[in-house]
């Protein structure tokens, strides 16, 4: 009987650890998706600003991207 109780406790520990890991992974996935979506929207804004011939300094100020990052985006589009 003691072995049975011990195995049940071990099973529950493993189950709880797996559930915790699953929840943690899900939360990190959501967070990553939100960040990627936000970055994609900022890239779209950068492209529109560039079409309007806005200065890099202004674009950087509006989007929070550095001038170097904006230049990299420009180069990636070519």
N, C-alpha and C. Protein backbone atom coordinates (compact mmCIF):
# COMPACT_ATOMS: atom_id res chain seq x y z
N UNK A 1 0.82 -1.20 0.00
CA UNK A 1 0.00 0.00 0.00
C UNK A 1 0.87 1.26 0.00
N UNK A 2 1.96 1.22 0.76
CA UNK A 2 2.86 2.37 0.83
C UNK A 2 3.48 2.65 -0.55
N UNK A 3 3.85 1.59 -1.25
CA UNK A 3 4.42 1.75 -2.59
C UNK A 3 3.40 2.38 -3.53
N UNK A 4 2.17 1.99 -3.40
CA UNK A 4 1.10 2.54 -4.22
C UNK A 4 0.94 4.03 -3.95
N UNK A 5 0.87 4.41 -2.68
CA UNK A 5 0.74 5.82 -2.32
C UNK A 5 1.93 6.63 -2.83
N UNK A 6 3.12 6.05 -2.71
CA UNK A 6 4.33 6.72 -3.19
C UNK A 6 4.27 6.91 -4.70
N UNK A 7 3.82 5.91 -5.42
CA UNK A 7 3.74 6.02 -6.88
C UNK A 7 2.70 7.06 -7.30
N UNK A 8 1.61 7.15 -6.56
CA UNK A 8 0.58 8.16 -6.85
C UNK A 8 1.17 9.56 -6.65
N UNK A 9 1.90 9.77 -5.57
CA UNK A 9 2.52 11.07 -5.31
C UNK A 9 3.54 11.42 -6.39
N UNK A 10 4.33 10.44 -6.81
CA UNK A 10 5.31 10.67 -7.86
C UNK A 10 4.61 11.02 -9.17
N UNK A 11 3.54 10.31 -9.48
CA UNK A 11 2.77 10.58 -10.69
C UNK A 11 2.23 12.01 -10.67
N UNK A 12 1.67 12.41 -9.54
CA UNK A 12 1.12 13.75 -9.43
C UNK A 12 2.21 14.81 -9.56
N UNK A 13 3.38 14.55 -8.98
CA UNK A 13 4.49 15.48 -9.11
C UNK A 13 4.89 15.66 -10.57
N UNK A 14 5.01 14.55 -11.28
CA UNK A 14 5.39 14.61 -12.69
C UNK A 14 4.30 15.32 -13.50
N UNK A 15 3.05 14.96 -13.24
CA UNK A 15 1.93 15.58 -13.95
C UNK A 15 1.91 17.09 -13.71
N UNK A 16 2.11 17.52 -12.48
CA UNK A 16 2.12 18.94 -12.16
C UNK A 16 3.29 19.65 -12.84
N UNK A 17 4.45 19.00 -12.87
CA UNK A 17 5.61 19.60 -13.52
C UNK A 17 5.37 19.76 -15.02
N UNK A 18 4.78 18.76 -15.64
CA UNK A 18 4.47 18.83 -17.07
C UNK A 18 3.45 19.92 -17.34
N UNK A 19 2.43 20.00 -16.53
CA UNK A 19 1.40 21.04 -16.70
C UNK A 19 1.99 22.43 -16.53
N UNK A 20 2.86 22.59 -15.54
CA UNK A 20 3.51 23.88 -15.33
C UNK A 20 4.37 24.25 -16.54
N UNK A 21 5.12 23.29 -17.05
CA UNK A 21 5.97 23.54 -18.21
C UNK A 21 5.13 23.90 -19.43
N UNK A 22 4.01 23.23 -19.60
CA UNK A 22 3.11 23.51 -20.72
C UNK A 22 2.58 24.94 -20.62
N UNK A 23 2.12 25.32 -19.45
CA UNK A 23 1.59 26.67 -19.25
C UNK A 23 2.68 27.72 -19.48
N UNK A 24 3.87 27.46 -18.96
CA UNK A 24 4.99 28.38 -19.13
C UNK A 24 5.34 28.54 -20.61
N UNK A 25 5.36 27.43 -21.33
CA UNK A 25 5.65 27.48 -22.76
C UNK A 25 4.58 28.23 -23.53
N UNK A 26 3.34 28.02 -23.16
CA UNK A 26 2.23 28.71 -23.80
C UNK A 26 2.34 30.22 -23.60
N UNK A 27 2.61 30.62 -22.36
CA UNK A 27 2.75 32.05 -22.06
C UNK A 27 3.91 32.67 -22.83
N UNK A 28 5.02 31.97 -22.89
CA UNK A 28 6.17 32.49 -23.64
C UNK A 28 5.85 32.57 -25.12
N UNK A 29 5.10 31.61 -25.64
CA UNK A 29 4.71 31.63 -27.05
C UNK A 29 3.81 32.81 -27.36
N UNK A 30 2.87 33.08 -26.48
CA UNK A 30 1.99 34.24 -26.66
C UNK A 30 2.80 35.52 -26.63
N UNK A 31 3.69 35.63 -25.67
CA UNK A 31 4.53 36.83 -25.54
C UNK A 31 5.38 37.03 -26.80
N UNK A 32 5.98 35.95 -27.27
CA UNK A 32 6.81 36.04 -28.47
C UNK A 32 5.96 36.46 -29.67
N UNK A 33 4.78 35.91 -29.79
CA UNK A 33 3.89 36.26 -30.90
C UNK A 33 3.49 37.73 -30.86
N UNK A 34 3.22 38.24 -29.68
CA UNK A 34 2.86 39.65 -29.55
C UNK A 34 4.03 40.56 -29.94
N UNK A 35 5.23 40.18 -29.51
CA UNK A 35 6.41 40.97 -29.85
C UNK A 35 6.65 40.95 -31.35
N UNK A 36 6.56 39.77 -31.95
CA UNK A 36 6.78 39.66 -33.39
C UNK A 36 5.72 40.45 -34.16
N UNK A 37 4.48 40.39 -33.71
CA UNK A 37 3.40 41.15 -34.36
C UNK A 37 3.64 42.65 -34.25
N UNK A 38 4.08 43.08 -33.09
CA UNK A 38 4.38 44.49 -32.88
C UNK A 38 5.53 44.94 -33.77
N UNK A 39 6.58 44.11 -33.85
CA UNK A 39 7.71 44.44 -34.71
C UNK A 39 7.29 44.50 -36.17
N UNK A 40 6.43 43.58 -36.59
CA UNK A 40 5.97 43.57 -37.98
C UNK A 40 5.18 44.83 -38.29
N UNK A 41 4.34 45.26 -37.36
CA UNK A 41 3.57 46.49 -37.55
C UNK A 41 4.51 47.69 -37.64
N UNK A 42 5.54 47.72 -36.81
CA UNK A 42 6.51 48.81 -36.86
C UNK A 42 7.24 48.82 -38.19
N UNK A 43 7.55 47.65 -38.71
CA UNK A 43 8.24 47.57 -40.01
C UNK A 43 7.33 48.11 -41.11
N UNK A 44 6.05 47.80 -41.04
CA UNK A 44 5.10 48.35 -42.02
C UNK A 44 5.06 49.87 -41.93
N UNK A 45 5.07 50.40 -40.72
CA UNK A 45 5.06 51.85 -40.53
C UNK A 45 6.35 52.45 -41.09
N UNK A 46 7.48 51.80 -40.84
CA UNK A 46 8.76 52.28 -41.37
C UNK A 46 8.70 52.36 -42.89
N UNK A 47 8.17 51.33 -43.53
CA UNK A 47 8.09 51.32 -44.99
C UNK A 47 7.22 52.47 -45.50
N UNK A 48 6.10 52.72 -44.84
CA UNK A 48 5.23 53.83 -45.25
C UNK A 48 5.93 55.17 -45.06
N UNK A 49 6.65 55.31 -43.97
CA UNK A 49 7.38 56.56 -43.72
C UNK A 49 8.45 56.76 -44.78
N UNK A 50 9.13 55.69 -45.15
CA UNK A 50 10.16 55.79 -46.17
C UNK A 50 9.56 56.18 -47.52
N UNK A 51 8.37 55.65 -47.82
CA UNK A 51 7.68 56.02 -49.06
C UNK A 51 7.36 57.51 -49.08
N UNK A 52 7.15 58.09 -47.91
CA UNK A 52 6.84 59.52 -47.80
C UNK A 52 8.11 60.36 -47.63
N UNK A 53 9.27 59.68 -47.76
CA UNK A 53 10.58 60.33 -47.69
C UNK A 53 10.83 61.06 -46.37
N UNK A 54 10.36 60.44 -45.29
CA UNK A 54 10.61 61.01 -43.96
C UNK A 54 12.06 60.76 -43.57
N UNK A 55 12.67 61.67 -42.82
CA UNK A 55 14.04 61.48 -42.37
C UNK A 55 14.15 60.28 -41.41
N UNK A 56 15.29 59.61 -41.45
CA UNK A 56 15.51 58.45 -40.59
C UNK A 56 15.35 58.78 -39.11
N UNK A 57 15.79 59.97 -38.72
CA UNK A 57 15.69 60.37 -37.32
C UNK A 57 14.23 60.39 -36.85
N UNK A 58 13.35 60.91 -37.71
CA UNK A 58 11.93 60.96 -37.36
C UNK A 58 11.33 59.56 -37.28
N UNK A 59 11.70 58.73 -38.25
CA UNK A 59 11.19 57.35 -38.26
C UNK A 59 11.66 56.62 -37.01
N UNK A 60 12.92 56.80 -36.66
CA UNK A 60 13.47 56.17 -35.47
C UNK A 60 12.72 56.64 -34.22
N UNK A 61 12.42 57.91 -34.16
CA UNK A 61 11.71 58.47 -33.01
C UNK A 61 10.29 57.90 -32.92
N UNK A 62 9.62 57.75 -34.05
CA UNK A 62 8.25 57.25 -34.07
C UNK A 62 8.16 55.77 -33.73
N UNK A 63 9.11 54.99 -34.21
CA UNK A 63 9.00 53.53 -34.09
C UNK A 63 9.80 52.93 -32.93
N UNK A 64 10.79 53.66 -32.45
CA UNK A 64 11.65 53.11 -31.41
C UNK A 64 12.78 52.27 -31.97
N UNK A 65 12.84 52.13 -33.29
CA UNK A 65 13.95 51.41 -33.92
C UNK A 65 15.12 52.37 -34.06
N UNK A 66 16.32 51.83 -34.05
CA UNK A 66 17.50 52.67 -34.27
C UNK A 66 17.65 52.94 -35.76
N UNK A 67 18.46 53.95 -36.09
CA UNK A 67 18.71 54.23 -37.51
C UNK A 67 19.35 53.03 -38.19
N UNK A 68 20.22 52.34 -37.47
CA UNK A 68 20.88 51.15 -38.03
C UNK A 68 19.85 50.06 -38.34
N UNK A 69 18.89 49.88 -37.46
CA UNK A 69 17.85 48.87 -37.70
C UNK A 69 17.00 49.25 -38.92
N UNK A 70 16.71 50.53 -39.03
CA UNK A 70 15.91 51.00 -40.18
C UNK A 70 16.69 50.78 -41.47
N UNK A 71 17.96 51.08 -41.45
CA UNK A 71 18.79 50.86 -42.64
C UNK A 71 18.83 49.37 -42.99
N UNK A 72 18.90 48.52 -41.99
CA UNK A 72 18.89 47.07 -42.23
C UNK A 72 17.57 46.64 -42.87
N UNK A 73 16.47 47.23 -42.43
CA UNK A 73 15.15 46.92 -43.01
C UNK A 73 15.12 47.36 -44.46
N UNK A 74 15.66 48.54 -44.73
CA UNK A 74 15.72 49.05 -46.11
C UNK A 74 16.53 48.07 -46.97
N UNK A 75 17.67 47.64 -46.47
CA UNK A 75 18.54 46.74 -47.22
C UNK A 75 17.89 45.38 -47.43
N UNK A 76 17.12 44.92 -46.46
CA UNK A 76 16.43 43.62 -46.59
C UNK A 76 15.36 43.66 -47.68
N UNK A 77 14.78 44.82 -47.91
CA UNK A 77 13.73 44.96 -48.89
C UNK A 77 14.27 44.99 -50.32
N UNK A 78 15.53 45.26 -50.46
CA UNK A 78 16.11 45.35 -51.81
C UNK A 78 16.49 44.03 -52.36
